[in-house]
Amino acid sequence: MLKTFADADEFLRAVGPTLEEHEAEHHLLLGVATALQGAKPSVVRPFFAAVSDGSGLALAALLTPARPLLLASDRDEIETALEQLWEGLTATGQRPEKVLGTMHHADAFVSGWQRRTGCATGLSMRQRLYVVTDVRDVPMVPGALRQATVGDHELVADWRM
């Protein structure tokens, strides 16, 4: 079932708990939605949507004016959710020009959107996600910080090479 939201607060209450379980993967959508919390309404309001089923959140989507449509899901298969999203976008007159999500999700959205609208599509950029999973202590080195002096000129010049 597709549900649209009036504002970022309502949207984040609905999708935040699920998406925050894998925050690294969903940081962009969560970050944009968080930045929109409490924002003054503009002429064109952001489109906030979530598709849920009996298993919970299937897909979250956020479209702000002049920005790409952001997709977030922890599922591999989102075709049913995309059908509902396409209907919601069409019903509200939204026409995303770009989409950001995992390659699989973005490809699925774009191919379906192209079938529905006949618009031409193309890949602009592939991006990767890097996640720190292990933080190691850095061993301390001997010495102490001090203010550089004129006598350090050659040393600092060597460092810049």
Foldseek 3Di string as FASTA:
>chain_A
DKDKDPALVVLCVQCVVVCVVVCLQVVVVVVVSVVRVPPDDDPDHKIWMFDADPVGTAWTWIGDPPDAIEIDGPDLDCLVVLVVVLVVCVVVVHDGPHYDHAPSVRVSNVVVNCVVPVDDDDDDDDDDGDDDDDDDDDDDDDDDDDDDDPVCVVVVVVVVD
